[in-house]
Amino acid sequence: MDQAIPQKGTEHYYQAAGSMVLNVDNFYRHSEVPGLGHCFGGRSGSPTTLFDLLRVWVENGTAPESAPVEVMGLDGEVQQRSLCPYPQTAEPTASATCGVAETDCWSCVDHPRRSLGAGMKEDL
């Protein structure tokens, strides 16, 4: 059943919600996990710390600006990543001492082409 949701379906749903509700980020965040299917599967494993971030948001009112997560690679090795709230994406920090498997080596970057509602009709 999960495969019935189109690849950009969650993004489109988030954009539609944002076009109808002011300050949608006060209660709803969308983050894309590279290499992960809609809820499972794909080239990457599932993040393992998102529930803890959600609990802190609900119980303490502290919304995550980014989400340091652990992702299990296909080789079984745990890698550190940062997930960013849409429309931002995580990009590697330019540093000779950083490795791509370290959370501190990623930062959230704005992408104007991915702004809330931008290009939604063309993408459908």
PDB file of N, CA and C in Angstrom:
ATOM      1  N   MET A   1       0.821  -1.195   0.000  1.00  0.00           N
ATOM      2  CA  MET A   1       0.000   0.000   0.000  1.00  0.00           C
ATOM      3  C   MET A   1       0.857   1.247   0.000  1.00  0.00           C
ATOM      4  N   ASP A   2       1.987   1.225   0.696  1.00  0.00           N
ATOM      5  CA  ASP A   2       2.835   2.398   0.793  1.00  0.00           C
ATOM      6  C   ASP A   2       3.323   2.874  -0.573  1.00  0.00           C
ATOM      7  N   GLN A   3       3.531   1.960  -1.495  1.00  0.00           N
ATOM      8  CA  GLN A   3       4.010   2.325  -2.823  1.00  0.00           C
ATOM      9  C   GLN A   3       2.947   3.062  -3.640  1.00  0.00           C
ATOM     10  N   ALA A   4       1.701   3.093  -3.171  1.00  0.00           N
ATOM     11  CA  ALA A   4       0.634   3.797  -3.878  1.00  0.00           C
ATOM     12  C   ALA A   4       0.768   5.312  -3.741  1.00  0.00           C
ATOM     13  N   ILE A   5       1.562   5.784  -2.790  1.00  0.00           N
ATOM     14  CA  ILE A   5       1.775   7.222  -2.617  1.00  0.00           C
ATOM     15  C   ILE A   5       2.861   7.658  -3.594  1.00  0.00           C
ATOM     16  N   PRO A   6       2.558   8.634  -4.483  1.00  0.00           N
ATOM     17  CA  PRO A   6       3.556   9.084  -5.460  1.00  0.00           C
ATOM     18  C   PRO A   6       4.811   9.619  -4.776  1.00  0.00           C
ATOM     19  N   GLN A   7       5.924   9.607  -5.498  1.00  0.00           N
ATOM     20  CA  GLN A   7       7.214  10.002  -4.945  1.00  0.00           C
ATOM     21  C   GLN A   7       7.162  11.384  -4.302  1.00  0.00           C
ATOM     22  N   LYS A   8       6.515  12.340  -4.902  1.00  0.00           N
ATOM     23  CA  LYS A   8       6.436  13.696  -4.359  1.00  0.00           C
ATOM     24  C   LYS A   8       5.104  13.949  -3.655  1.00  0.00           C
ATOM     25  N   GLY A   9       4.335  12.903  -3.357  1.00  0.00           N
ATOM     26  CA  GLY A   9       3.024  13.055  -2.743  1.00  0.00           C
ATOM     27  C   GLY A   9       3.062  13.742  -1.387  1.00  0.00           C
ATOM     28  N   THR A  10       4.008  13.379  -0.531  1.00  0.00           N
ATOM     29  CA  THR A  10       4.103  13.987   0.796  1.00  0.00           C
ATOM     30  C   THR A  10       4.490  15.456   0.683  1.00  0.00           C
ATOM     31  N   GLU A  11       5.398  15.761  -0.234  1.00  0.00           N
ATOM     32  CA  GLU A  11       5.794  17.163  -0.468  1.00  0.00           C
ATOM     33  C   GLU A  11       4.597  17.981  -0.941  1.00  0.00           C
ATOM     34  N   HIS A  12       3.837  17.449  -1.873  1.00  0.00           N
ATOM     35  CA  HIS A  12       2.651  18.156  -2.383  1.00  0.00           C
ATOM     36  C   HIS A  12       1.613  18.348  -1.285  1.00  0.00           C
ATOM     37  N   TYR A  13       1.428  17.356  -0.434  1.00  0.00           N
ATOM     38  CA  TYR A  13       0.483  17.473   0.676  1.00  0.00           C
ATOM     39  C   TYR A  13       0.927  18.587   1.623  1.00  0.00           C
ATOM     40  N   TYR A  14       2.218  18.631   1.923  1.00  0.00           N
ATOM     41  CA  TYR A  14       2.760  19.670   2.798  1.00  0.00           C
ATOM     42  C   TYR A  14       2.541  21.051   2.178  1.00  0.00           C
ATOM     43  N   GLN A  15       2.809  21.187   0.884  1.00  0.00           N
ATOM     44  CA  GLN A  15       2.601  22.467   0.196  1.00  0.00           C
ATOM     45  C   GLN A  15       1.130  22.874   0.223  1.00  0.00           C
ATOM     46  N   ALA A  16       0.240  21.925   0.015  1.00  0.00           N
ATOM     47  CA  ALA A  16      -1.197  22.231   0.044  1.00  0.00           C
ATOM     48  C   ALA A  16      -1.630  22.685   1.436  1.00  0.00           C
ATOM     49  N   ALA A  17      -1.145  22.009   2.466  1.00  0.00           N
ATOM     50  CA  ALA A  17      -1.478  22.409   3.837  1.00  0.00           C
ATOM     51  C   ALA A  17      -0.961  23.818   4.113  1.00  0.00           C
ATOM     52  N   GLY A  18       0.247  24.121   3.672  1.00  0.00           N
ATOM     53  CA  GLY A  18       0.832  25.441   3.877  1.00  0.00           C
ATOM     54  C   GLY A  18       0.120  26.543   3.121  1.00  0.00           C
ATOM     55  N   SER A  19      -0.504  26.191   2.006  1.00  0.00           N
ATOM     56  CA  SER A  19      -1.241  27.212   1.250  1.00  0.00           C
ATOM     57  C   SER A  19      -2.597  27.514   1.886  1.00  0.00           C
ATOM     58  N   MET A  20      -3.077  26.639   2.779  1.00  0.00           N
ATOM     59  CA  MET A  20      -4.377  26.834   3.418  1.00  0.00           C
ATOM     60  C   MET A  20      -4.276  27.288   4.867  1.00  0.00           C
ATOM     61  N   VAL A  21      -3.147  27.020   5.521  1.00  0.00           N
ATOM     62  CA  VAL A  21      -3.007  27.306   6.946  1.00  0.00           C
ATOM     63  C   VAL A  21      -1.779  28.193   7.161  1.00  0.00           C
ATOM     64  N   LEU A  22      -1.992  29.346   7.806  1.00  0.00           N
ATOM     65  CA  LEU A  22      -0.866  30.204   8.136  1.00  0.00           C
ATOM     66  C   LEU A  22      -0.001  29.529   9.193  1.00  0.00           C
ATOM     67  N   ASN A  23       1.287  29.769   9.114  1.00  0.00           N
ATOM     68  CA  ASN A  23       2.237  29.243  10.099  1.00  0.00           C
ATOM     69  C   ASN A  23       2.136  27.730  10.273  1.00  0.00           C
ATOM     70  N   VAL A  24       2.039  27.023   9.161  1.00  0.00           N
ATOM     71  CA  VAL A  24       1.914  25.563   9.209  1.00  0.00           C
ATOM     72  C   VAL A  24       3.092  24.925   9.967  1.00  0.00           C
ATOM     73  N   ASP A  25       4.247  25.580   9.957  1.00  0.00           N
ATOM     74  CA  ASP A  25       5.419  25.031  10.651  1.00  0.00           C
ATOM     75  C   ASP A  25       5.255  25.017  12.166  1.00  0.00           C
ATOM     76  N   ASN A  26       4.235  25.676  12.675  1.00  0.00           N
ATOM     77  CA  ASN A  26       3.995  25.629  14.120  1.00  0.00           C
ATOM     78  C   ASN A  26       3.545  24.245  14.583  1.00  0.00           C
ATOM     79  N   PHE A  27       3.007  23.447  13.653  1.00  0.00           N
ATOM     80  CA  PHE A  27       2.509  22.125  14.057  1.00  0.00           C
ATOM     81  C   PHE A  27       2.859  21.008  13.081  1.00  0.00           C
ATOM     82  N   TYR A  28       3.472  21.336  11.946  1.00  0.00           N
ATOM     83  CA  TYR A  28       3.705  20.323  10.920  1.00  0.00           C
ATOM     84  C   TYR A  28       5.050  20.591  10.256  1.00  0.00           C
ATOM     85  N   ARG A  29       5.906  19.597  10.244  1.00  0.00           N
ATOM     86  CA  ARG A  29       7.199  19.679   9.560  1.00  0.00           C
ATOM     87  C   ARG A  29       7.328  18.486   8.618  1.00  0.00           C
ATOM     88  N   HIS A  30       7.966  18.740   7.510  1.00  0.00           N
ATOM     89  CA  HIS A  30       8.226  17.689   6.521  1.00  0.00           C
ATOM     90  C   HIS A  30       9.721  17.677   6.258  1.00  0.00           C
ATOM     91  N   SER A  31      10.348  16.541   6.434  1.00  0.00           N
ATOM     92  CA  SER A  31      11.774  16.380   6.141  1.00  0.00           C
ATOM     93  C   SER A  31      11.941  15.160   5.256  1.00  0.00           C
ATOM     94  N   GLU A  32      12.728  15.326   4.215  1.00  0.00           N
ATOM     95  CA  GLU A  32      13.000  14.209   3.315  1.00  0.00           C
ATOM     96  C   GLU A  32      14.261  13.485   3.776  1.00  0.00           C
ATOM     97  N   VAL A  33      14.206  12.169   3.766  1.00  0.00           N
ATOM     98  CA  VAL A  33      15.352  11.352   4.152  1.00  0.00           C
ATOM     99  C   VAL A  33      15.955  10.766   2.877  1.00  0.00           C
ATOM    100  N   PRO A  34      17.167  11.192   2.521  1.00  0.00           N
ATOM    101  CA  PRO A  34      17.786  10.679   1.298  1.00  0.00           C
ATOM    102  C   PRO A  34      17.867   9.160   1.291  1.00  0.00           C
ATOM    103  N   GLY A  35      17.441   8.567   0.189  1.00  0.00           N
ATOM    104  CA  GLY A  35      17.559   7.124   0.010  1.00  0.00           C
ATOM    105  C   GLY A  35      16.504   6.289   0.695  1.00  0.00           C
ATOM    106  N   LEU A  36      15.516   6.925   1.348  1.00  0.00           N
ATOM    107  CA  LEU A  36      14.479   6.179   2.055  1.00  0.00           C
ATOM    108  C   LEU A  36      13.180   6.236   1.260  1.00  0.00           C
ATOM    109  N   GLY A  37      12.482   5.101   1.198  1.00  0.00           N
ATOM    110  CA  GLY A  37      11.167   5.076   0.570  1.00  0.00           C
ATOM    111  C   GLY A  37      10.173   5.862   1.404  1.00  0.00           C
ATOM    112  N   HIS A  38       8.891   5.829   1.053  1.00  0.00           N
ATOM    113  CA  HIS A  38       7.896   6.635   1.764  1.00  0.00           C
ATOM    114  C   HIS A  38       7.933   6.407   3.268  1.00  0.00           C
ATOM    115  N   CYS A  39       7.926   5.192   3.722  1.00  0.00           N
ATOM    116  CA  CYS A  39       8.033   4.899   5.161  1.00  0.00           C
ATOM    117  C   CYS A  39       9.120   3.872   5.457  1.00  0.00           C
ATOM    118  N   PHE A  40       9.533   3.132   4.466  1.00  0.00           N
ATOM    119  CA  PHE A  40      10.563   2.115   4.668  1.00  0.00           C
ATOM    120  C   PHE A  40      11.136   1.749   3.309  1.00  0.00           C
ATOM    121  N   GLY A  41      12.230   1.006   3.331  1.00  0.00           N
ATOM    122  CA  GLY A  41      12.835   0.530   2.090  1.00  0.00           C
ATOM    123  C   GLY A  41      13.669   1.613   1.417  1.00  0.00           C
ATOM    124  N   GLY A  42      14.247   1.273   0.315  1.00  0.00           N
ATOM    125  CA  GLY A  42      15.113   2.189  -0.411  1.00  0.00           C
ATOM    126  C   GLY A  42      16.569   1.885  -0.130  1.00  0.00           C
ATOM    127  N   ARG A  43      17.440   2.756  -0.621  1.00  0.00           N
ATOM    128  CA  ARG A  43      18.892   2.548  -0.477  1.00  0.00           C
ATOM    129  C   ARG A  43      19.377   2.817   0.940  1.00  0.00           C
ATOM    130  N   SER A  44      18.583   3.520   1.736  1.00  0.00           N
ATOM    131  CA  SER A  44      19.000   3.884   3.089  1.00  0.00           C
ATOM    132  C   SER A  44      18.116   3.174   4.101  1.00  0.00           C
ATOM    133  N   GLY A  45      18.556   3.170   5.315  1.00  0.00           N
ATOM    134  CA  GLY A  45      17.725   2.635   6.390  1.00  0.00           C
ATOM    135  C   GLY A  45      16.875   3.738   6.991  1.00  0.00           C
ATOM    136  N   SER A  46      16.018   3.362   7.906  1.00  0.00           N
ATOM    137  CA  SER A  46      15.144   4.332   8.561  1.00  0.00           C
ATOM    138  C   SER A  46      15.902   5.078   9.656  1.00  0.00           C
ATOM    139  N   PRO A  47      15.643   6.383   9.801  1.00  0.00           N
ATOM    140  CA  PRO A  47      16.231   7.132  10.921  1.00  0.00           C
ATOM    141  C   PRO A  47      15.742   6.541  12.245  1.00  0.00           C
ATOM    142  N   THR A  48      16.569   6.627  13.268  1.00  0.00           N
ATOM    143  CA  THR A  48      16.238   5.966  14.529  1.00  0.00           C
ATOM    144  C   THR A  48      15.921   6.918  15.678  1.00  0.00           C
ATOM    145  N   THR A  49      16.024   8.244  15.481  1.00  0.00           N
ATOM    146  CA  THR A  49      15.844   9.178  16.601  1.00  0.00           C
ATOM    147  C   THR A  49      14.679  10.150  16.423  1.00  0.00           C
ATOM    148  N   LEU A  50      13.893  10.024  15.353  1.00  0.00           N
ATOM    149  CA  LEU A  50      12.845  11.003  15.083  1.00  0.00           C
ATOM    150  C   LEU A  50      11.736  10.998  16.130  1.00  0.00           C
ATOM    151  N   PHE A  51      11.403   9.842  16.687  1.00  0.00           N
ATOM    152  CA  PHE A  51      10.344   9.800  17.685  1.00  0.00           C
ATOM    153  C   PHE A  51      10.719  10.627  18.908  1.00  0.00           C
ATOM    154  N   ASP A  52      11.984  10.575  19.318  1.00  0.00           N
ATOM    155  CA  ASP A  52      12.432  11.371  20.460  1.00  0.00           C
ATOM    156  C   ASP A  52      12.286  12.865  20.186  1.00  0.00           C
ATOM    157  N   LEU A  53      12.610  13.309  18.968  1.00  0.00           N
ATOM    158  CA  LEU A  53      12.458  14.717  18.601  1.00  0.00           C
ATOM    159  C   LEU A  53      10.986  15.129  18.606  1.00  0.00           C
ATOM    160  N   LEU A  54      10.123  14.255  18.111  1.00  0.00           N
ATOM    161  CA  LEU A  54       8.686  14.536  18.108  1.00  0.00           C
ATOM    162  C   LEU A  54       8.158  14.644  19.536  1.00  0.00           C
ATOM    163  N   ARG A  55       8.593  13.761  20.395  1.00  0.00           N
ATOM    164  CA  ARG A  55       8.145  13.800  21.796  1.00  0.00           C
ATOM    165  C   ARG A  55       8.551  15.109  22.474  1.00  0.00           C
ATOM    166  N   VAL A  56       9.782  15.565  22.257  1.00  0.00           N
ATOM    167  CA  VAL A  56      10.248  16.826  22.840  1.00  0.00           C
ATOM    168  C   VAL A  56       9.427  18.000  22.304  1.00  0.00           C
ATOM    169  N   TRP A  57       9.081  17.959  21.004  1.00  0.00           N
ATOM    170  CA  TRP A  57       8.270  19.024  20.404  1.00  0.00           C
ATOM    171  C   TRP A  57       6.885  19.058  21.054  1.00  0.00           C
ATOM    172  N   VAL A  58       6.261  17.902  21.181  1.00  0.00           N
ATOM    173  CA  VAL A  58       4.905  17.836  21.750  1.00  0.00           C
ATOM    174  C   VAL A  58       4.908  18.167  23.245  1.00  0.00           C
ATOM    175  N   GLU A  59       5.835  17.606  23.984  1.00  0.00           N
ATOM    176  CA  GLU A  59       5.824  17.776  25.439  1.00  0.00           C
ATOM    177  C   GLU A  59       6.411  19.105  25.909  1.00  0.00           C
ATOM    178  N   ASN A  60       7.398  19.641  25.180  1.00  0.00           N
ATOM    179  CA  ASN A  60       8.079  20.857  25.630  1.00  0.00           C
ATOM    180  C   ASN A  60       7.869  22.055  24.717  1.00  0.00           C
ATOM    181  N   GLY A  61       7.259  21.830  23.549  1.00  0.00           N
ATOM    182  CA  GLY A  61       7.056  22.926  22.606  1.00  0.00           C
ATOM    183  C   GLY A  61       8.312  23.342  21.868  1.00  0.00           C
ATOM    184  N   THR A  62       9.314  22.476  21.846  1.00  0.00           N
ATOM    185  CA  THR A  62      10.578  22.782  21.182  1.00  0.00           C
ATOM    186  C   THR A  62      10.598  22.108  19.811  1.00  0.00           C
ATOM    187  N   ALA A  63      10.247  22.893  18.784  1.00  0.00           N
ATOM    188  CA  ALA A  63      10.219  22.347  17.424  1.00  0.00           C
ATOM    189  C   ALA A  63      11.647  22.183  16.908  1.00  0.00           C
ATOM    190  N   PRO A  64      11.937  21.083  16.250  1.00  0.00           N
ATOM    191  CA  PRO A  64      13.296  20.873  15.724  1.00  0.00           C
ATOM    192  C   PRO A  64      13.582  21.763  14.515  1.00  0.00           C
ATOM    193  N   GLU A  65      14.696  22.471  14.563  1.00  0.00           N
ATOM    194  CA  GLU A  65      15.136  23.267  13.403  1.00  0.00           C
ATOM    195  C   GLU A  65      15.898  22.383  12.424  1.00  0.00           C
ATOM    196  N   SER A  66      16.483  21.352  12.933  1.00  0.00           N
ATOM    197  CA  SER A  66      17.082  20.295  12.119  1.00  0.00           C
ATOM    198  C   SER A  66      17.017  19.050  12.995  1.00  0.00           C
ATOM    199  N   ALA A  67      17.237  17.934  12.380  1.00  0.00           N
ATOM    200  CA  ALA A  67      17.111  16.691  13.124  1.00  0.00           C
ATOM    201  C   ALA A  67      18.368  15.853  12.936  1.00  0.00           C
ATOM    202  N   PRO A  68      19.223  15.821  13.960  1.00  0.00           N
ATOM    203  CA  PRO A  68      20.342  14.892  13.862  1.00  0.00           C
ATOM    204  C   PRO A  68      19.794  13.479  13.994  1.00  0.00           C
ATOM    205  N   VAL A  69      20.040  12.673  13.018  1.00  0.00           N
ATOM    206  CA  VAL A  69      19.494  11.322  13.019  1.00  0.00           C
ATOM    207  C   VAL A  69      20.590  10.306  12.729  1.00  0.00           C
ATOM    208  N   GLU A  70      20.343   9.109  13.172  1.00  0.00           N
ATOM    209  CA  GLU A  70      21.207   7.988  12.837  1.00  0.00           C
ATOM    210  C   GLU A  70      20.513   7.187  11.756  1.00  0.00           C
ATOM    211  N   VAL A  71      21.227   6.929  10.682  1.00  0.00           N
ATOM    212  CA  VAL A  71      20.690   6.157   9.571  1.00  0.00           C
ATOM    213  C   VAL A  71      21.543   4.919   9.407  1.00  0.00           C
ATOM    214  N   MET A  72      20.894   3.792   9.306  1.00  0.00           N
ATOM    215  CA  MET A  72      21.608   2.533   9.106  1.00  0.00           C
ATOM    216  C   MET A  72      21.871   2.371   7.614  1.00  0.00           C
ATOM    217  N   GLY A  73      23.123   2.319   7.243  1.00  0.00           N
ATOM    218  CA  GLY A  73      23.500   2.132   5.857  1.00  0.00           C
ATOM    219  C   GLY A  73      23.247   0.706   5.405  1.00  0.00           C
ATOM    220  N   LEU A  74      23.303   0.492   4.110  1.00  0.00           N
ATOM    221  CA  LEU A  74      23.084  -0.848   3.565  1.00  0.00           C
ATOM    222  C   LEU A  74      24.123  -1.842   4.071  1.00  0.00           C
ATOM    223  N   ASP A  75      25.306  -1.323   4.422  1.00  0.00           N
ATOM    224  CA  ASP A  75      26.361  -2.201   4.926  1.00  0.00           C
ATOM    225  C   ASP A  75      26.207  -2.487   6.417  1.00  0.00           C
ATOM    226  N   GLY A  76      25.130  -1.945   7.028  1.00  0.00           N
ATOM    227  CA  GLY A  76      24.881  -2.168   8.450  1.00  0.00           C
ATOM    228  C   GLY A  76      25.558  -1.157   9.355  1.00  0.00           C
ATOM    229  N   GLU A  77      26.349  -0.253   8.782  1.00  0.00           N
ATOM    230  CA  GLU A  77      27.053   0.759   9.570  1.00  0.00           C
ATOM    231  C   GLU A  77      26.132   1.957   9.835  1.00  0.00           C
ATOM    232  N   VAL A  78      26.127   2.434  11.080  1.00  0.00           N
ATOM    233  CA  VAL A  78      25.320   3.593  11.448  1.00  0.00           C
ATOM    234  C   VAL A  78      26.058   4.861  11.030  1.00  0.00           C
ATOM    235  N   GLN A  79      25.349   5.735  10.326  1.00  0.00           N
ATOM    236  CA  GLN A  79      25.907   7.012   9.902  1.00  0.00           C
ATOM    237  C   GLN A  79      25.100   8.142  10.514  1.00  0.00           C
ATOM    238  N   GLN A  80      25.751   9.249  10.808  1.00  0.00           N
ATOM    239  CA  GLN A  80      25.097  10.429  11.368  1.00  0.00           C
ATOM    240  C   GLN A  80      24.715  11.368  10.226  1.00  0.00           C
ATOM    241  N   ARG A  81      23.509  11.883  10.268  1.00  0.00           N
ATOM    242  CA  ARG A  81      23.021  12.809   9.252  1.00  0.00           C
ATOM    243  C   ARG A  81      22.213  13.906   9.925  1.00  0.00           C
ATOM    244  N   SER A  82      21.966  14.973   9.197  1.00  0.00           N
ATOM    245  CA  SER A  82      21.054  16.025   9.634  1.00  0.00           C
ATOM    246  C   SER A  82      19.912  16.089   8.640  1.00  0.00           C
ATOM    247  N   LEU A  83      18.692  16.033   9.167  1.00  0.00           N
ATOM    248  CA  LEU A  83      17.520  16.232   8.327  1.00  0.00           C
ATOM    249  C   LEU A  83      17.051  17.664   8.538  1.00  0.00           C
ATOM    250  N   CYS A  84      16.631  18.292   7.477  1.00  0.00           N
ATOM    251  CA  CYS A  84      16.223  19.692   7.531  1.00  0.00           C
ATOM    252  C   CYS A  84      14.738  19.810   7.207  1.00  0.00           C
ATOM    253  N   PRO A  85      14.063  20.777   7.839  1.00  0.00           N
ATOM    254  CA  PRO A  85      12.653  20.972   7.509  1.00  0.00           C
ATOM    255  C   PRO A  85      12.515  21.538   6.098  1.00  0.00           C
ATOM    256  N   TYR A  86      11.598  20.971   5.343  1.00  0.00           N
ATOM    257  CA  TYR A  86      11.306  21.436   3.986  1.00  0.00           C
ATOM    258  C   TYR A  86      10.959  22.916   4.045  1.00  0.00           C
ATOM    259  N   PRO A  87      11.434  23.753   3.154  1.00  0.00           N
ATOM    260  CA  PRO A  87      12.096  23.468   1.876  1.00  0.00           C
ATOM    261  C   PRO A  87      13.615  23.417   1.942  1.00  0.00           C
ATOM    262  N   GLN A  88      14.201  23.418   3.141  1.00  0.00           N
ATOM    263  CA  GLN A  88      15.648  23.333   3.253  1.00  0.00           C
ATOM    264  C   GLN A  88      16.131  21.920   2.941  1.00  0.00           C
ATOM    265  N   THR A  89      17.403  21.843   2.567  1.00  0.00           N
ATOM    266  CA  THR A  89      18.037  20.536   2.378  1.00  0.00           C
ATOM    267  C   THR A  89      19.381  20.552   3.095  1.00  0.00           C
ATOM    268  N   ALA A  90      19.850  19.390   3.472  1.00  0.00           N
ATOM    269  CA  ALA A  90      21.153  19.271   4.120  1.00  0.00           C
ATOM    270  C   ALA A  90      22.234  19.201   3.053  1.00  0.00           C
ATOM    271  N   GLU A  91      23.267  20.000   3.266  1.00  0.00           N
ATOM    272  CA  GLU A  91      24.407  19.983   2.365  1.00  0.00           C
ATOM    273  C   GLU A  91      25.675  19.849   3.195  1.00  0.00           C
ATOM    274  N   PRO A  92      26.675  19.152   2.653  1.00  0.00           N
ATOM    275  CA  PRO A  92      27.923  18.981   3.407  1.00  0.00           C
ATOM    276  C   PRO A  92      28.591  20.331   3.662  1.00  0.00           C
ATOM    277  N   THR A  93      29.157  20.477   4.846  1.00  0.00           N
ATOM    278  CA  THR A  93      29.916  21.669   5.194  1.00  0.00           C
ATOM    279  C   THR A  93      31.292  21.548   4.561  1.00  0.00           C
ATOM    280  N   ALA A  94      31.747  22.623   3.961  1.00  0.00           N
ATOM    281  CA  ALA A  94      33.062  22.616   3.316  1.00  0.00           C
ATOM    282  C   ALA A  94      34.149  22.668   4.374  1.00  0.00           C
ATOM    283  N   SER A  95      34.668  21.508   4.718  1.00  0.00           N
ATOM    284  CA  SER A  95      35.736  21.421   5.713  1.00  0.00           C
ATOM    285  C   SER A  95      36.560  20.169   5.443  1.00  0.00           C
ATOM    286  N   ALA A  96      37.852  20.349   5.499  1.00  0.00           N
ATOM    287  CA  ALA A  96      38.740  19.213   5.246  1.00  0.00           C
ATOM    288  C   ALA A  96      38.685  18.181   6.367  1.00  0.00           C
ATOM    289  N   THR A  97      38.209  18.594   7.553  1.00  0.00           N
ATOM    290  CA  THR A  97      38.195  17.680   8.693  1.00  0.00           C
ATOM    291  C   THR A  97      36.866  16.954   8.851  1.00  0.00           C
ATOM    292  N   CYS A  98      35.896  17.253   8.007  1.00  0.00           N
ATOM    293  CA  CYS A  98      34.574  16.640   8.130  1.00  0.00           C
ATOM    294  C   CYS A  98      34.443  15.400   7.258  1.00  0.00           C
ATOM    295  N   GLY A  99      33.737  14.431   7.804  1.00  0.00           N
ATOM    296  CA  GLY A  99      33.389  13.241   7.044  1.00  0.00           C
ATOM    297  C   GLY A  99      31.885  13.245   6.812  1.00  0.00           C
ATOM    298  N   VAL A 100      31.431  12.680   5.716  1.00  0.00           N
ATOM    299  CA  VAL A 100      30.009  12.729   5.386  1.00  0.00           C
ATOM    300  C   VAL A 100      29.141  11.938   6.348  1.00  0.00           C
ATOM    301  N   ALA A 101      29.739  11.121   7.198  1.00  0.00           N
ATOM    302  CA  ALA A 101      28.954  10.330   8.146  1.00  0.00           C
ATOM    303  C   ALA A 101      28.827  11.013   9.508  1.00  0.00           C
ATOM    304  N   GLU A 102      29.203  12.294   9.615  1.00  0.00           N
ATOM    305  CA  GLU A 102      29.158  13.025  10.875  1.00  0.00           C
ATOM    306  C   GLU A 102      28.110  14.129  10.824  1.00  0.00           C
ATOM    307  N   THR A 103      27.231  14.207  11.812  1.00  0.00           N
ATOM    308  CA  THR A 103      26.158  15.192  11.856  1.00  0.00           C
ATOM    309  C   THR A 103      26.677  16.622  11.763  1.00  0.00           C
ATOM    310  N   ASP A 104      27.752  16.936  12.462  1.00  0.00           N
ATOM    311  CA  ASP A 104      28.280  18.305  12.478  1.00  0.00           C
ATOM    312  C   ASP A 104      28.807  18.751  11.122  1.00  0.00           C
ATOM    313  N   CYS A 105      28.929  17.842  10.199  1.00  0.00           N
ATOM    314  CA  CYS A 105      29.476  18.167   8.881  1.00  0.00           C
ATOM    315  C   CYS A 105      28.383  18.477   7.856  1.00  0.00           C
ATOM    316  N   TRP A 106      27.158  18.673   8.330  1.00  0.00           N
ATOM    317  CA  TRP A 106      26.032  18.992   7.465  1.00  0.00           C
ATOM    318  C   TRP A 106      25.353  20.252   7.985  1.00  0.00           C
ATOM    319  N   SER A 107      24.813  21.061   7.094  1.00  0.00           N
ATOM    320  CA  SER A 107      24.045  22.236   7.511  1.00  0.00           C
ATOM    321  C   SER A 107      22.813  22.371   6.611  1.00  0.00           C
ATOM    322  N   CYS A 108      21.777  22.984   7.164  1.00  0.00           N
ATOM    323  CA  CYS A 108      20.531  23.188   6.425  1.00  0.00           C
ATOM    324  C   CYS A 108      20.646  24.440   5.568  1.00  0.00           C
ATOM    325  N   VAL A 109      20.282  24.313   4.304  1.00  0.00           N
ATOM    326  CA  VAL A 109      20.412  25.398   3.340  1.00  0.00           C
ATOM    327  C   VAL A 109      19.065  25.638   2.679  1.00  0.00           C
ATOM    328  N   ASP A 110      18.684  26.928   2.572  1.00  0.00           N
ATOM    329  CA  ASP A 110      17.440  27.297   1.888  1.00  0.00           C
ATOM    330  C   ASP A 110      17.594  27.141   0.385  1.00  0.00           C
ATOM    331  N   HIS A 111      16.529  26.686  -0.239  1.00  0.00           N
ATOM    332  CA  HIS A 111      16.482  26.569  -1.691  1.00  0.00           C
ATOM    333  C   HIS A 111      15.231  27.286  -2.182  1.00  0.00           C
ATOM    334  N   PRO A 112      15.384  28.461  -2.826  1.00  0.00           N
ATOM    335  CA  PRO A 112      14.215  29.237  -3.250  1.00  0.00           C
ATOM    336  C   PRO A 112      13.269  28.466  -4.174  1.00  0.00           C
ATOM    337  N   ARG A 113      13.778  27.576  -4.995  1.00  0.00           N
ATOM    338  CA  ARG A 113      12.922  26.815  -5.904  1.00  0.00           C
ATOM    339  C   ARG A 113      12.031  25.841  -5.164  1.00  0.00           C
ATOM    340  N   ARG A 114      12.364  25.537  -3.904  1.00  0.00           N
ATOM    341  CA  ARG A 114      11.579  24.591  -3.129  1.00  0.00           C
ATOM    342  C   ARG A 114      10.706  25.298  -2.103  1.00  0.00           C
ATOM    343  N   SER A 115      10.506  26.617  -2.249  1.00  0.00           N
ATOM    344  CA  SER A 115       9.717  27.329  -1.252  1.00  0.00           C
ATOM    345  C   SER A 115       8.291  26.828  -1.232  1.00  0.00           C
ATOM    346  N   LEU A 116       7.634  27.040  -0.093  1.00  0.00           N
ATOM    347  CA  LEU A 116       6.286  26.542   0.130  1.00  0.00           C
ATOM    348  C   LEU A 116       5.354  27.014  -0.983  1.00  0.00           C
ATOM    349  N   GLY A 117       4.815  26.075  -1.733  1.00  0.00           N
ATOM    350  CA  GLY A 117       3.857  26.378  -2.785  1.00  0.00           C
ATOM    351  C   GLY A 117       4.490  26.683  -4.128  1.00  0.00           C
ATOM    352  N   ALA A 118       5.796  26.877  -4.203  1.00  0.00           N
ATOM    353  CA  ALA A 118       6.437  27.230  -5.463  1.00  0.00           C
ATOM    354  C   ALA A 118       6.397  26.059  -6.416  1.00  0.00           C
ATOM    355  N   GLY A 119       5.893  26.297  -7.599  1.00  0.00           N
ATOM    356  CA  GLY A 119       5.906  25.297  -8.647  1.00  0.00           C
ATOM    357  C   GLY A 119       4.998  24.105  -8.398  1.00  0.00           C
ATOM    358  N   MET A 120       4.081  24.210  -7.465  1.00  0.00           N
ATOM    359  CA  MET A 120       3.276  23.053  -7.111  1.00  0.00           C
ATOM    360  C   MET A 120       2.468  22.534  -8.295  1.00  0.00           C
ATOM    361  N   LYS A 121       1.871  23.415  -9.080  1.00  0.00           N
ATOM    362  CA  LYS A 121       1.048  22.961 -10.205  1.00  0.00           C
ATOM    363  C   LYS A 121       1.885  22.245 -11.255  1.00  0.00           C
ATOM    364  N   GLU A 122       3.114  22.737 -11.473  1.00  0.00           N
ATOM    365  CA  GLU A 122       3.970  22.093 -12.469  1.00  0.00           C
ATOM    366  C   GLU A 122       4.389  20.693 -12.024  1.00  0.00           C
ATOM    367  N   ASP A 123       4.544  20.481 -10.705  1.00  0.00           N
ATOM    368  CA  ASP A 123       5.040  19.200 -10.196  1.00  0.00           C
ATOM    369  C   ASP A 123       3.962  18.124 -10.146  1.00  0.00           C
ATOM    370  N   LEU A 124       2.688  18.526 -10.116  1.00  0.00           N
ATOM    371  CA  LEU A 124       1.618  17.546 -10.008  1.00  0.00           C
ATOM    372  C   LEU A 124       1.498  16.823 -11.269  1.00  0.00           C
TER     373      LEU A 124
END
